[in-house]
Amino acid sequence: MSATTGYHLITPDDLHWRPSNLMKIPNADFLERTGSENMGARLWRMPR
């Protein structure tokens, strides 16, 4: 396994938001933009 170098700044506007199938809450695959094969993360926008 190689070390991760550098960083990525990801803003909410950079992400592709879609409603979840079950609860219809907007969510995005946060690390899709980084091309990460080692980790995964999903970001949810909870209603106010």
PDB file of N, CA and C in Angstrom:
ATOM      1  N   MET A   1       0.842  -1.169   0.000  1.00  0.00           N
ATOM      2  CA  MET A   1       0.000   0.000   0.000  1.00  0.00           C
ATOM      3  C   MET A   1       0.889   1.234   0.000  1.00  0.00           C
ATOM      4  N   SER A   2       0.562   2.187  -0.828  1.00  0.00           N
ATOM      5  CA  SER A   2       1.356   3.411  -0.884  1.00  0.00           C
ATOM      6  C   SER A   2       0.696   4.518  -0.068  1.00  0.00           C
ATOM      7  N   ALA A   3       1.488   5.442   0.375  1.00  0.00           N
ATOM      8  CA  ALA A   3       0.994   6.568   1.165  1.00  0.00           C
ATOM      9  C   ALA A   3       0.232   7.536   0.276  1.00  0.00           C
ATOM     10  N   THR A   4      -0.748   8.196   0.841  1.00  0.00           N
ATOM     11  CA  THR A   4      -1.509   9.210   0.129  1.00  0.00           C
ATOM     12  C   THR A   4      -0.758  10.530   0.216  1.00  0.00           C
ATOM     13  N   THR A   5      -0.634  11.209  -0.915  1.00  0.00           N
ATOM     14  CA  THR A   5       0.057  12.494  -0.925  1.00  0.00           C
ATOM     15  C   THR A   5      -0.893  13.581  -1.394  1.00  0.00           C
ATOM     16  N   GLY A   6      -0.637  14.792  -0.954  1.00  0.00           N
ATOM     17  CA  GLY A   6      -1.436  15.935  -1.368  1.00  0.00           C
ATOM     18  C   GLY A   6      -2.792  15.964  -0.699  1.00  0.00           C
ATOM     19  N   TYR A   7      -3.657  16.811  -1.224  1.00  0.00           N
ATOM     20  CA  TYR A   7      -4.996  16.938  -0.672  1.00  0.00           C
ATOM     21  C   TYR A   7      -5.930  17.423  -1.766  1.00  0.00           C
ATOM     22  N   HIS A   8      -7.216  17.290  -1.525  1.00  0.00           N
ATOM     23  CA  HIS A   8      -8.256  17.781  -2.425  1.00  0.00           C
ATOM     24  C   HIS A   8      -9.215  18.634  -1.611  1.00  0.00           C
ATOM     25  N   LEU A   9      -9.552  19.799  -2.112  1.00  0.00           N
ATOM     26  CA  LEU A   9     -10.566  20.634  -1.489  1.00  0.00           C
ATOM     27  C   LEU A   9     -11.864  20.385  -2.238  1.00  0.00           C
ATOM     28  N   ILE A  10     -12.844  19.842  -1.549  1.00  0.00           N
ATOM     29  CA  ILE A  10     -14.126  19.513  -2.163  1.00  0.00           C
ATOM     30  C   ILE A  10     -15.198  20.336  -1.471  1.00  0.00           C
ATOM     31  N   THR A  11     -15.892  21.168  -2.225  1.00  0.00           N
ATOM     32  CA  THR A  11     -16.978  21.961  -1.671  1.00  0.00           C
ATOM     33  C   THR A  11     -18.310  21.293  -2.028  1.00  0.00           C
ATOM     34  N   PRO A  12     -19.379  21.577  -1.290  1.00  0.00           N
ATOM     35  CA  PRO A  12     -20.674  20.967  -1.609  1.00  0.00           C
ATOM     36  C   PRO A  12     -21.130  21.231  -3.041  1.00  0.00           C
ATOM     37  N   ASP A  13     -20.764  22.376  -3.592  1.00  0.00           N
ATOM     38  CA  ASP A  13     -21.154  22.683  -4.969  1.00  0.00           C
ATOM     39  C   ASP A  13     -20.427  21.806  -5.989  1.00  0.00           C
ATOM     40  N   ASP A  14     -19.309  21.196  -5.602  1.00  0.00           N
ATOM     41  CA  ASP A  14     -18.543  20.327  -6.497  1.00  0.00           C
ATOM     42  C   ASP A  14     -19.154  18.927  -6.619  1.00  0.00           C
ATOM     43  N   LEU A  15     -20.067  18.594  -5.719  1.00  0.00           N
ATOM     44  CA  LEU A  15     -20.578  17.232  -5.648  1.00  0.00           C
ATOM     45  C   LEU A  15     -21.846  17.037  -6.463  1.00  0.00           C
ATOM     46  N   HIS A  16     -22.087  15.795  -6.872  1.00  0.00           N
ATOM     47  CA  HIS A  16     -23.326  15.420  -7.549  1.00  0.00           C
ATOM     48  C   HIS A  16     -24.288  14.908  -6.483  1.00  0.00           C
ATOM     49  N   TRP A  17     -25.308  15.699  -6.176  1.00  0.00           N
ATOM     50  CA  TRP A  17     -26.279  15.351  -5.135  1.00  0.00           C
ATOM     51  C   TRP A  17     -27.447  14.619  -5.760  1.00  0.00           C
ATOM     52  N   ARG A  18     -27.908  13.572  -5.069  1.00  0.00           N
ATOM     53  CA  ARG A  18     -29.090  12.848  -5.529  1.00  0.00           C
ATOM     54  C   ARG A  18     -29.874  12.378  -4.313  1.00  0.00           C
ATOM     55  N   PRO A  19     -31.204  12.274  -4.452  1.00  0.00           N
ATOM     56  CA  PRO A  19     -31.996  11.802  -3.314  1.00  0.00           C
ATOM     57  C   PRO A  19     -31.785  10.304  -3.098  1.00  0.00           C
ATOM     58  N   SER A  20     -31.724   9.886  -1.846  1.00  0.00           N
ATOM     59  CA  SER A  20     -31.585   8.463  -1.547  1.00  0.00           C
ATOM     60  C   SER A  20     -32.850   7.729  -1.970  1.00  0.00           C
ATOM     61  N   ASN A  21     -32.725   6.458  -2.263  1.00  0.00           N
ATOM     62  CA  ASN A  21     -33.861   5.677  -2.740  1.00  0.00           C
ATOM     63  C   ASN A  21     -34.962   5.546  -1.693  1.00  0.00           C
ATOM     64  N   LEU A  22     -34.591   5.300  -0.462  1.00  0.00           N
ATOM     65  CA  LEU A  22     -35.573   5.020   0.571  1.00  0.00           C
ATOM     66  C   LEU A  22     -36.138   6.278   1.231  1.00  0.00           C
ATOM     67  N   MET A  23     -35.256   7.162   1.707  1.00  0.00           N
ATOM     68  CA  MET A  23     -35.704   8.316   2.485  1.00  0.00           C
ATOM     69  C   MET A  23     -35.785   9.605   1.680  1.00  0.00           C
ATOM     70  N   LYS A  24     -35.288   9.605   0.451  1.00  0.00           N
ATOM     71  CA  LYS A  24     -35.310  10.786  -0.431  1.00  0.00           C
ATOM     72  C   LYS A  24     -34.527  11.961   0.138  1.00  0.00           C
ATOM     73  N   ILE A  25     -33.498  11.671   0.956  1.00  0.00           N
ATOM     74  CA  ILE A  25     -32.630  12.705   1.512  1.00  0.00           C
ATOM     75  C   ILE A  25     -31.435  12.892   0.577  1.00  0.00           C
ATOM     76  N   PRO A  26     -31.118  14.130   0.180  1.00  0.00           N
ATOM     77  CA  PRO A  26     -29.991  14.361  -0.725  1.00  0.00           C
ATOM     78  C   PRO A  26     -28.675  13.842  -0.127  1.00  0.00           C
ATOM     79  N   ASN A  27     -27.889  13.144  -0.957  1.00  0.00           N
ATOM     80  CA  ASN A  27     -26.594  12.643  -0.519  1.00  0.00           C
ATOM     81  C   ASN A  27     -25.651  12.619  -1.708  1.00  0.00           C
ATOM     82  N   ALA A  28     -24.361  12.556  -1.405  1.00  0.00           N
ATOM     83  CA  ALA A  28     -23.335  12.576  -2.447  1.00  0.00           C
ATOM     84  C   ALA A  28     -22.178  11.676  -2.028  1.00  0.00           C
ATOM     85  N   ASP A  29     -21.552  11.050  -3.018  1.00  0.00           N
ATOM     86  CA  ASP A  29     -20.349  10.256  -2.775  1.00  0.00           C
ATOM     87  C   ASP A  29     -19.193  11.240  -2.664  1.00  0.00           C
ATOM     88  N   PHE A  30     -18.780  11.510  -1.435  1.00  0.00           N
ATOM     89  CA  PHE A  30     -17.808  12.567  -1.145  1.00  0.00           C
ATOM     90  C   PHE A  30     -16.440  12.309  -1.772  1.00  0.00           C
ATOM     91  N   LEU A  31     -15.979  11.069  -1.756  1.00  0.00           N
ATOM     92  CA  LEU A  31     -14.633  10.787  -2.254  1.00  0.00           C
ATOM     93  C   LEU A  31     -14.597  10.380  -3.726  1.00  0.00           C
ATOM     94  N   GLU A  32     -15.743  10.395  -4.392  1.00  0.00           N
ATOM     95  CA  GLU A  32     -15.769  10.109  -5.818  1.00  0.00           C
ATOM     96  C   GLU A  32     -14.869  11.085  -6.585  1.00  0.00           C
ATOM     97  N   ARG A  33     -14.858  12.329  -6.150  1.00  0.00           N
ATOM     98  CA  ARG A  33     -14.059  13.366  -6.820  1.00  0.00           C
ATOM     99  C   ARG A  33     -12.562  13.150  -6.671  1.00  0.00           C
ATOM    100  N   THR A  34     -12.139  12.413  -5.654  1.00  0.00           N
ATOM    101  CA  THR A  34     -10.706  12.212  -5.429  1.00  0.00           C
ATOM    102  C   THR A  34     -10.168  10.998  -6.162  1.00  0.00           C
ATOM    103  N   GLY A  35     -11.067  10.114  -6.617  1.00  0.00           N
ATOM    104  CA  GLY A  35     -10.612   8.892  -7.259  1.00  0.00           C
ATOM    105  C   GLY A  35     -10.053   7.882  -6.273  1.00  0.00           C
ATOM    106  N   SER A  36     -10.403   8.016  -5.009  1.00  0.00           N
ATOM    107  CA  SER A  36      -9.881   7.144  -3.959  1.00  0.00           C
ATOM    108  C   SER A  36     -10.334   5.700  -4.161  1.00  0.00           C
ATOM    109  N   GLU A  37      -9.397   4.784  -4.053  1.00  0.00           N
ATOM    110  CA  GLU A  37      -9.711   3.356  -4.102  1.00  0.00           C
ATOM    111  C   GLU A  37      -9.539   2.726  -2.724  1.00  0.00           C
ATOM    112  N   ASN A  38      -9.053   3.505  -1.750  1.00  0.00           N
ATOM    113  CA  ASN A  38      -8.785   2.993  -0.409  1.00  0.00           C
ATOM    114  C   ASN A  38      -9.889   3.319   0.587  1.00  0.00           C
ATOM    115  N   MET A  39     -10.656   4.373   0.327  1.00  0.00           N
ATOM    116  CA  MET A  39     -11.664   4.824   1.283  1.00  0.00           C
ATOM    117  C   MET A  39     -12.939   5.209   0.542  1.00  0.00           C
ATOM    118  N   GLY A  40     -14.005   5.286   1.281  1.00  0.00           N
ATOM    119  CA  GLY A  40     -15.259   5.764   0.741  1.00  0.00           C
ATOM    120  C   GLY A  40     -15.931   6.644   1.777  1.00  0.00           C
ATOM    121  N   ALA A  41     -16.726   7.599   1.342  1.00  0.00           N
ATOM    122  CA  ALA A  41     -17.449   8.462   2.265  1.00  0.00           C
ATOM    123  C   ALA A  41     -18.670   9.015   1.553  1.00  0.00           C
ATOM    124  N   ARG A  42     -19.756   9.063   2.263  1.00  0.00           N
ATOM    125  CA  ARG A  42     -20.990   9.632   1.719  1.00  0.00           C
ATOM    126  C   ARG A  42     -21.402  10.775   2.624  1.00  0.00           C
ATOM    127  N   LEU A  43     -21.799  11.884   2.005  1.00  0.00           N
ATOM    128  CA  LEU A  43     -22.220  13.092   2.718  1.00  0.00           C
ATOM    129  C   LEU A  43     -23.724  13.225   2.547  1.00  0.00           C
ATOM    130  N   TRP A  44     -24.431  13.471   3.646  1.00  0.00           N
ATOM    131  CA  TRP A  44     -25.894  13.614   3.628  1.00  0.00           C
ATOM    132  C   TRP A  44     -26.286  15.044   3.996  1.00  0.00           C
ATOM    133  N   ARG A  45     -27.317  15.562   3.335  1.00  0.00           N
ATOM    134  CA  ARG A  45     -27.870  16.875   3.680  1.00  0.00           C
ATOM    135  C   ARG A  45     -29.182  16.635   4.403  1.00  0.00           C
ATOM    136  N   MET A  46     -29.148  16.820   5.708  1.00  0.00           N
ATOM    137  CA  MET A  46     -30.340  16.579   6.510  1.00  0.00           C
ATOM    138  C   MET A  46     -31.278  17.787   6.439  1.00  0.00           C
ATOM    139  N   PRO A  47     -32.581  17.550   6.394  1.00  0.00           N
ATOM    140  CA  PRO A  47     -33.531  18.678   6.343  1.00  0.00           C
ATOM    141  C   PRO A  47     -33.510  19.469   7.650  1.00  0.00           C
ATOM    142  N   ARG A  48     -33.800  20.738   7.545  1.00  0.00           N
ATOM    143  CA  ARG A  48     -33.835  21.600   8.733  1.00  0.00           C
ATOM    144  C   ARG A  48     -35.170  21.550   9.393  1.00  0.00           C
TER     145      ARG A  48
END
